[in-house]
Protein backbone atom coordinates (compact mmCIF):
# COMPACT_ATOMS: atom_id res chain seq x y z
CA MET A 1 -15.58 13.97 -21.33
CA GLU A 2 -12.28 13.04 -19.22
CA ILE A 3 -12.78 14.38 -16.43
CA ALA A 4 -16.15 12.26 -16.31
CA LEU A 5 -14.42 9.16 -17.18
CA THR A 6 -11.80 9.75 -14.35
CA LEU A 7 -14.22 10.43 -12.06
CA THR A 8 -16.66 7.33 -13.14
CA ALA A 9 -13.16 5.29 -13.07
CA PHE A 10 -12.87 5.94 -9.20
CA LEU A 11 -16.27 6.58 -8.14
CA ALA A 12 -18.17 3.17 -9.88
CA PRO A 13 -15.62 0.88 -8.15
CA ALA A 14 -16.49 2.28 -4.61
CA ILE A 15 -20.15 2.46 -5.19
CA LEU A 16 -19.85 -1.37 -6.11
CA ILE A 17 -17.85 -2.34 -2.85
CA GLY A 18 -20.15 -0.31 -0.64
CA LEU A 19 -23.18 -2.29 -2.11
CA LYS A 20 -21.66 -5.44 -1.57
CA THR A 21 -20.67 -4.81 1.73
CA SER A 22 -24.46 -3.24 2.60
CA VAL A 23 -26.82 -4.97 0.81
CA SER A 24 -27.58 -8.78 2.17
CA TYR A 25 -28.31 -10.00 -1.76
CA LEU A 26 -25.26 -8.36 -3.58
CA GLU A 27 -22.96 -10.14 -1.16
CA LYS A 28 -21.89 -12.45 -3.62
CA MET A 29 -21.36 -10.40 -6.79
CA SER A 30 -18.58 -10.24 -8.42
CA PRO A 31 -17.52 -6.06 -8.37
CA LEU A 32 -14.74 -7.15 -10.58
CA ILE A 33 -16.84 -8.23 -13.41
CA VAL A 34 -19.11 -5.42 -13.01
CA CYS A 35 -16.62 -3.16 -13.44
CA TYR A 36 -15.47 -5.29 -17.01
CA ALA A 37 -19.19 -5.08 -17.86
CA LEU A 38 -19.45 -1.37 -17.05
CA GLY A 39 -15.91 -0.48 -19.10
CA LEU A 40 -17.06 -2.27 -21.97
CA ILE A 41 -20.34 -0.89 -21.98
CA ILE A 42 -19.36 2.83 -21.79
CA GLY A 43 -16.46 2.26 -24.21
CA ASN A 44 -18.75 0.59 -27.05
CA ILE A 45 -21.73 3.07 -26.85
CA GLY A 46 -20.22 5.98 -28.77
CA ILE A 47 -19.14 7.65 -25.20
CA VAL A 48 -15.32 6.74 -25.40
CA GLN A 49 -13.67 8.37 -28.50
CA GLU A 50 -10.02 8.32 -30.02
CA GLN A 51 -8.96 11.33 -28.08
CA HIS A 52 -9.81 9.87 -24.52
CA LEU A 53 -8.11 6.32 -24.65
CA ALA A 54 -4.85 8.33 -23.38
CA VAL A 55 -6.56 9.07 -20.28
CA LEU A 56 -8.07 5.73 -19.75
CA ASP A 57 -4.46 4.24 -20.04
CA LEU A 58 -2.64 7.01 -17.67
CA ILE A 59 -5.82 6.13 -15.17
CA SER A 60 -5.04 1.72 -15.75
CA THR A 61 -0.97 2.27 -15.41
CA ILE A 62 -1.52 4.18 -12.01
CA ALA A 63 -4.29 2.00 -10.73
CA VAL A 64 -2.00 -1.00 -11.62
CA ALA A 65 1.16 0.68 -9.86
CA LEU A 66 -0.64 1.32 -6.40
CA SER A 67 -2.48 -1.73 -6.72
CA ILE A 68 0.70 -3.55 -6.41
CA PRO A 69 2.51 -2.08 -3.17
CA LEU A 70 -0.90 -2.50 -1.38
CA MET A 71 -1.59 -5.69 -1.99
CA LEU A 72 1.90 -6.61 -1.08
CA PHE A 73 2.38 -4.64 2.62
CA SER A 74 0.97 -7.49 4.15
CA VAL A 75 2.87 -9.60 3.16
CA ASN A 76 4.69 -11.60 5.72
CA ILE A 77 7.78 -12.93 4.10
CA ARG A 78 8.96 -14.82 6.85
CA ASP A 79 5.73 -16.94 6.84
CA TRP A 80 7.08 -18.75 3.42
CA PHE A 81 9.69 -20.51 5.37
CA LYS A 82 7.23 -22.17 7.68
CA LEU A 83 5.82 -23.83 4.36
CA ALA A 84 8.76 -26.08 3.51
CA GLY A 85 6.11 -29.13 4.24
CA LYS A 86 3.53 -30.41 1.91
CA THR A 87 1.89 -27.42 1.46
CA GLY A 88 4.99 -25.14 0.03
CA LEU A 89 5.28 -27.95 -2.18
CA SER A 90 2.20 -28.30 -3.79
CA MET A 91 1.84 -24.62 -4.62
CA VAL A 92 5.77 -25.32 -6.17
CA LEU A 93 4.21 -27.82 -8.04
CA ALA A 94 1.28 -25.53 -9.18
CA MET A 95 3.40 -22.96 -10.34
CA VAL A 96 5.71 -25.65 -12.18
CA SER A 97 2.67 -26.95 -14.00
CA VAL A 98 1.44 -23.55 -15.20
CA ILE A 99 4.85 -22.81 -16.83
CA ILE A 100 5.30 -25.95 -18.55
CA THR A 101 1.83 -26.32 -20.12
CA SER A 102 1.33 -22.72 -20.83
CA ALA A 103 4.74 -22.89 -22.93
CA VAL A 104 3.65 -26.02 -24.46
CA PHE A 105 -0.02 -24.53 -25.58
CA TYR A 106 2.32 -21.36 -26.91
CA LEU A 107 4.39 -23.84 -28.91
CA LEU A 108 1.73 -25.69 -30.60
CA ILE A 109 -1.42 -23.26 -31.27
CA GLY A 110 -0.37 -19.87 -30.01
CA ARG A 111 2.90 -18.97 -32.61
CA GLY A 112 0.30 -17.39 -35.24
CA ILE A 113 -1.29 -14.85 -33.05
CA GLU A 114 0.12 -11.25 -32.57
CA GLU A 115 2.10 -11.21 -29.52
CA GLY A 116 0.86 -14.37 -29.16
CA TRP A 117 4.21 -14.31 -26.82
CA LYS A 118 2.56 -12.61 -24.10
CA ILE A 119 0.12 -14.78 -23.76
CA PRO A 120 1.67 -17.46 -21.60
CA GLY A 121 3.39 -14.33 -19.13
CA LEU A 122 -0.11 -13.47 -18.73
CA LEU A 123 -1.13 -16.81 -17.64
CA VAL A 124 1.43 -18.24 -15.85
CA GLY A 125 1.15 -14.76 -13.67
CA LEU A 126 -2.35 -15.33 -13.50
CA TYR A 127 -2.59 -18.92 -12.59
CA THR A 128 0.15 -18.17 -10.07
CA GLY A 129 -1.30 -15.10 -8.03
CA GLY A 130 -4.43 -13.64 -10.14
CA THR A 131 -6.02 -11.00 -11.62
CA PRO A 132 -3.77 -7.91 -9.88
CA ASN A 133 -0.34 -10.09 -11.56
CA LEU A 134 -2.66 -10.29 -14.77
CA ALA A 135 -3.03 -6.89 -14.70
CA ALA A 136 0.49 -5.79 -14.07
CA ILE A 137 2.51 -7.94 -16.39
CA LYS A 138 -0.30 -6.63 -19.03
CA THR A 139 0.92 -3.35 -17.98
CA ALA A 140 4.82 -4.57 -17.81
CA LEU A 141 4.54 -6.24 -21.12
CA GLN A 142 2.43 -3.53 -23.00
CA VAL A 143 0.05 -6.13 -24.03
CA GLU A 144 -2.71 -4.76 -26.89
CA GLN A 145 -6.04 -4.12 -25.18
CA ASN A 146 -8.08 -6.75 -26.79
CA LEU A 147 -5.91 -9.36 -26.26
CA TYR A 148 -5.38 -8.97 -22.74
CA LEU A 149 -9.47 -8.39 -23.01
CA ALA A 150 -9.54 -11.86 -24.39
CA VAL A 151 -7.33 -13.51 -21.90
CA HIS A 152 -8.99 -12.15 -18.78
CA THR A 153 -12.59 -12.85 -20.77
CA SER A 154 -11.85 -16.27 -21.30
CA ASP A 155 -10.19 -16.79 -17.80
CA ILE A 156 -13.52 -15.49 -16.19
CA LEU A 157 -15.42 -17.70 -17.68
CA LEU A 158 -13.33 -20.95 -17.13
CA GLY A 159 -12.70 -19.82 -13.90
CA ALA A 160 -16.32 -19.84 -12.92
CA VAL A 161 -16.59 -23.70 -14.20
CA TYR A 162 -13.27 -24.57 -12.56
CA ILE A 163 -14.57 -23.42 -9.01
CA LEU A 164 -17.68 -25.28 -9.40
CA PHE A 165 -15.89 -28.48 -10.15
CA VAL A 166 -13.66 -28.44 -7.20
CA ILE A 167 -16.63 -27.69 -4.75
CA THR A 168 -18.80 -30.07 -6.10
CA VAL A 169 -16.91 -33.36 -7.67
CA ALA A 170 -13.03 -33.17 -8.07
CA ARG A 171 -12.63 -34.94 -4.77
CA ARG A 172 -14.43 -37.89 -5.68
CA VAL A 173 -12.85 -37.67 -9.11
CA PHE A 174 -9.33 -37.24 -7.91
CA SER A 175 -9.76 -39.27 -5.09
CA LEU A 176 -8.88 -42.14 -7.68
CA ILE A 177 -5.51 -40.96 -7.93
CA LEU A 178 -4.19 -38.62 -4.64
CA LYS A 179 -4.54 -40.00 -1.17
CA LYS A 180 -6.76 -38.75 1.32
CA ALA A 181 -6.42 -35.58 3.23
CA ASP A 182 -3.26 -35.92 5.81
CA VAL A 183 -3.48 -31.98 7.76
CA GLU A 184 -1.57 -33.42 10.56
CA HIS A 185 1.38 -30.92 9.06
CA LEU A 186 -0.99 -27.98 8.97
CA LYS A 187 -2.15 -25.73 11.62
CA SER A 188 -6.32 -26.10 12.58
CA GLY A 189 -8.47 -23.61 12.92
CA GLY A 190 -10.55 -20.80 11.15
CA ASN A 191 -8.58 -17.60 11.82
CA ASP A 192 -6.85 -17.44 8.41
CA GLY A 193 -4.96 -14.13 9.40
CA HIS A 194 -5.54 -12.22 6.15
CA GLU A 195 -8.47 -10.51 5.79
CA THR A 196 -9.76 -11.03 2.17
CA SER A 197 -13.35 -9.54 2.33
CA TYR A 198 -14.58 -6.01 2.24
CA ARG A 199 -16.48 -6.50 5.27
CA GLY A 200 -15.86 -2.93 7.32
CA PHE A 201 -13.64 -1.22 4.45
CA PHE A 202 -15.45 1.99 4.93
CA ASN A 203 -15.20 2.25 8.58
CA ARG A 204 -13.62 5.14 10.49
CA GLU A 205 -10.52 3.17 12.08
CA PHE A 206 -9.43 2.32 9.21
CA ARG A 207 -9.08 5.81 7.61
CA PHE A 208 -6.19 7.25 8.89
CA PRO A 209 -3.85 4.02 8.27
CA LEU A 210 -4.88 3.49 4.64
CA ILE A 211 -4.69 7.31 3.88
CA ALA A 212 -0.99 6.32 5.16
CA ALA A 213 -0.42 3.14 3.05
CA LEU A 214 -1.83 4.90 0.51
CA PHE A 215 0.69 7.47 0.68
CA LEU A 216 3.72 5.07 0.74
CA ALA A 217 2.19 3.34 -2.08
CA ILE A 218 2.72 6.52 -3.91
CA ALA A 219 6.06 6.73 -2.77
CA ILE A 220 7.37 3.65 -3.84
CA PHE A 221 5.18 4.05 -7.14
CA ALA A 222 7.28 7.15 -7.61
CA VAL A 223 10.76 5.64 -6.94
CA GLY A 224 9.70 2.80 -9.42
CA GLY A 225 8.75 5.65 -12.63
CA GLY A 226 11.86 7.77 -11.79
CA LEU A 227 14.00 4.91 -12.85
CA SER A 228 11.84 4.74 -16.58
CA PHE A 229 14.06 7.66 -17.11
CA ILE A 230 16.85 6.12 -16.50
CA VAL A 231 16.79 2.77 -18.32
CA PRO A 232 16.06 2.14 -22.28
CA GLN A 233 12.56 2.94 -23.40
CA SER A 234 12.09 -0.76 -24.58
CA ILE A 235 12.21 -2.38 -21.20
CA SER A 236 10.99 0.38 -18.91
CA THR A 237 7.82 -0.31 -18.19
CA MET A 238 8.88 -3.70 -17.23
CA ILE A 239 11.68 -2.55 -15.06
CA VAL A 240 9.11 -0.45 -13.09
CA ILE A 241 7.11 -2.99 -12.52
CA LEU A 242 9.59 -5.37 -10.73
CA VAL A 243 11.30 -2.41 -8.73
CA ILE A 244 7.79 -1.86 -7.51
CA THR A 245 7.36 -5.31 -6.59
CA THR A 246 10.78 -5.47 -5.22
CA LEU A 247 10.36 -2.31 -2.98
CA SER A 248 7.13 -3.98 -2.04
CA LEU A 249 8.13 -6.92 -0.71
CA GLY A 250 11.19 -5.06 1.38
CA ALA A 251 8.45 -2.24 2.76
CA SER A 252 6.30 -5.52 3.72
CA LEU A 253 9.21 -6.55 6.31
CA VAL A 254 8.68 -3.41 8.45
CA PRO A 255 6.37 -4.93 11.34
CA ARG A 256 4.34 -1.43 11.18
CA VAL A 257 3.39 -1.51 7.32
CA ARG A 258 2.40 -5.08 7.28
CA ALA A 259 0.37 -4.17 10.36
CA ILE A 260 -2.06 -1.58 8.57
CA PRO A 261 -5.58 -2.87 7.99
CA ARG A 262 -7.17 -3.61 4.96
CA THR A 263 -4.05 -2.72 2.63
CA PHE A 264 -5.07 -5.51 0.39
CA GLN A 265 -8.56 -4.22 0.56
CA LEU A 266 -7.47 -1.41 -0.93
CA GLY A 267 -5.22 -2.64 -3.30
CA GLU A 268 -8.29 -4.80 -4.69
CA TYR A 269 -9.84 -1.29 -5.02
CA PHE A 270 -7.69 -0.54 -7.82
CA ILE A 271 -7.66 -3.05 -9.41
CA LEU A 272 -11.43 -2.44 -10.07
CA VAL A 273 -10.52 0.93 -11.14
CA PHE A 274 -8.00 -0.75 -13.81
CA CYS A 275 -10.77 -3.26 -14.75
CA PHE A 276 -12.98 -0.61 -15.57
CA ALA A 277 -10.49 1.75 -17.59
CA VAL A 278 -9.37 -1.73 -19.30
CA GLY A 279 -12.68 -2.75 -20.19
CA ALA A 280 -13.53 1.22 -21.76
CA MET A 281 -10.88 0.72 -23.76
CA GLY A 282 -12.10 -2.67 -25.27
CA ASN A 283 -13.37 -3.01 -28.81
CA ILE A 284 -16.05 -5.52 -28.61
CA SER A 285 -15.94 -6.41 -32.48
CA ARG A 286 -12.42 -6.73 -32.19
CA LEU A 287 -12.55 -8.77 -29.23
CA MET A 288 -14.87 -11.53 -30.43
CA GLN A 289 -12.49 -11.90 -33.28
CA SER A 290 -9.52 -12.75 -31.29
CA THR A 291 -11.31 -14.39 -28.40
CA PRO A 292 -11.89 -17.71 -29.71
CA ARG A 293 -8.46 -18.58 -30.86
CA VAL A 294 -7.03 -17.17 -27.20
CA PHE A 295 -10.12 -19.07 -25.55
CA ILE A 296 -9.01 -22.52 -26.66
CA ILE A 297 -5.51 -21.70 -25.32
CA VAL A 298 -6.90 -20.36 -21.79
CA MET A 299 -9.05 -23.26 -21.70
CA ALA A 300 -6.10 -25.53 -22.98
CA VAL A 301 -3.81 -24.34 -19.97
CA LEU A 302 -5.90 -23.80 -17.51
CA LEU A 303 -7.14 -27.89 -18.25
CA SER A 304 -3.74 -29.45 -18.64
CA THR A 305 -2.25 -27.59 -15.54
CA LEU A 306 -4.78 -28.90 -13.22
CA VAL A 307 -3.93 -32.46 -14.63
CA VAL A 308 -0.12 -31.95 -14.42
CA HIS A 309 -0.40 -30.41 -11.19
CA VAL A 310 -2.38 -33.78 -10.13
CA LEU A 311 0.42 -36.12 -11.29
CA LEU A 312 2.86 -34.21 -10.04
CA CYS A 313 1.05 -34.50 -6.20
CA ARG A 314 0.70 -38.66 -7.03
CA VAL A 315 4.47 -38.21 -7.47
CA PHE A 316 5.21 -36.48 -4.65
CA ARG A 317 2.92 -37.62 -2.04
CA ILE A 318 1.18 -35.08 -1.75
CA ASP A 319 -2.72 -35.07 -0.35
CA LEU A 320 -5.91 -34.29 -2.28
CA ASP A 321 -7.44 -31.91 0.09
CA THR A 322 -3.70 -29.80 0.30
CA MET A 323 -3.72 -30.26 -3.52
CA LEU A 324 -6.98 -28.61 -4.19
CA ILE A 325 -6.56 -26.03 -1.84
CA THR A 326 -2.99 -24.98 -3.30
CA SER A 327 -4.74 -25.27 -6.54
CA THR A 328 -7.63 -22.93 -5.86
CA ALA A 329 -5.19 -20.36 -4.61
CA ALA A 330 -2.67 -20.48 -7.43
CA ILE A 331 -5.81 -20.38 -10.36
CA CYS A 332 -8.29 -18.48 -8.37
CA SER A 333 -6.43 -16.47 -5.86
CA PRO A 334 -6.63 -16.43 -1.92
CA PRO A 335 -10.49 -15.30 -1.78
CA PHE A 336 -11.59 -18.68 -2.69
CA VAL A 337 -9.49 -20.73 -0.24
CA GLY A 338 -11.98 -20.34 2.11
CA VAL A 339 -14.99 -21.15 0.15
CA VAL A 340 -13.23 -24.52 -0.83
CA ALA A 341 -11.99 -25.18 2.58
CA VAL A 342 -15.53 -25.24 4.05
CA ALA A 343 -16.94 -27.14 0.79
CA LEU A 344 -14.10 -29.82 1.65
CA LYS A 345 -14.95 -29.57 5.34
CA ASN A 346 -11.48 -29.12 5.93
CA ARG A 347 -11.16 -25.57 7.83
CA SER A 348 -7.55 -26.17 9.08
CA LEU A 349 -6.21 -25.61 5.32
CA ILE A 350 -7.54 -22.00 5.13
CA VAL A 351 -4.44 -20.46 6.75
CA PRO A 352 -1.81 -22.34 4.79
CA GLY A 353 -3.98 -21.84 1.15
CA ILE A 354 -4.56 -17.97 1.76
CA THR A 355 -0.65 -17.72 2.62
CA THR A 356 0.52 -19.86 -0.33
CA GLY A 357 -2.16 -17.61 -2.32
CA ILE A 358 -0.19 -14.59 -1.44
CA ILE A 359 3.14 -15.78 -1.93
CA GLY A 360 1.66 -16.48 -5.78
CA TYR A 361 0.90 -12.96 -5.95
CA ALA A 362 3.93 -11.92 -4.58
CA LEU A 363 6.07 -14.60 -7.11
CA GLY A 364 3.41 -14.16 -10.13
CA ASN A 365 4.59 -11.18 -11.46
CA TYR A 366 8.69 -12.03 -11.87
CA LEU A 367 7.53 -15.61 -13.40
CA GLY A 368 5.02 -14.07 -15.69
CA ILE A 369 7.59 -11.57 -17.46
CA ALA A 370 10.48 -14.00 -17.45
CA ILE A 371 8.18 -16.43 -18.76
CA ALA A 372 6.94 -14.22 -21.85
CA HIS A 373 10.54 -13.16 -22.68
CA LEU A 374 11.58 -17.03 -22.80
CA MET A 375 8.70 -17.54 -25.05
CA LYS A 376 9.74 -13.98 -27.09
CA LEU A 377 12.56 -15.89 -28.12
CA PHE A 378 10.81 -19.15 -29.93
CA ALA A 379 8.06 -16.52 -31.99
């Protein structure tokens, strides 16, 4: 059964990606949600027994550790310094907003939840980078499976409402507070420089470069894992995640590494493997017991983060479209930037939006882990 679960965890995401790229009416499908759902189903119909949880936990740990370098290899740190204007400032304000609100709502309503101090860390990582940061911080903080699933399930539901709001009425609502778009400080054009779709993922031309990138990711994982044997056990997982993140950013400074195509998508594939494994370890009855209160916290943090971000952008004279794009990059991750930019009819924001989102990926682990341990002092 362990072999069957392992094969399913690694094959199911690949099949879903293949279907998404080859079947036109499945193009809008979210493999992440499907992998979670498939994992939850398999984990709650009697197939997964107690003795199988160790294998699933190992799969999830390896998947996260490999996803981090692969998703960071394409980062161009030098681009960060080109965002010193309004776009970069707006992203900083988005990060400040989620740090403030996650801390406040934990102190107000989250302290009674077991291991509740980990929730603000998860949310800071999630709403500065995205699911990859959520997965990495879950591993670093050793978050209990059902608490993690409660946070992520709540985010999936609320995230759908958020993106619908942004592409429909957000511009009209926030135009009462923020000035209209001023895009002269941004580059124009629609070529973002960061390919975020799975299109062409299985092309033969990408195979050998991606294999090389995978071996480099494994080497970084091995270095980080080796450090776990020489640091105190209580902080070993956290140290491993932070070391892997730092080494991956270091590798991205090498032009040949940064130029490898589709490493970001390969990293996302391992996130899908993680989603399946974590879903299979989830207990739906316990999840339903923990979800209502966690849902309230996630909803409060998401809504208040958006409001605080808008108010800060008003203070710092950030225009409306820049605020919406950087908010999307932080809360929903880079793949959604293009959707929102098209909805706003402002394609010039695609480049800086995706770049700020990738900065969020790079910083999310550090910020999330730091905030969680700060909140632990008040637990």
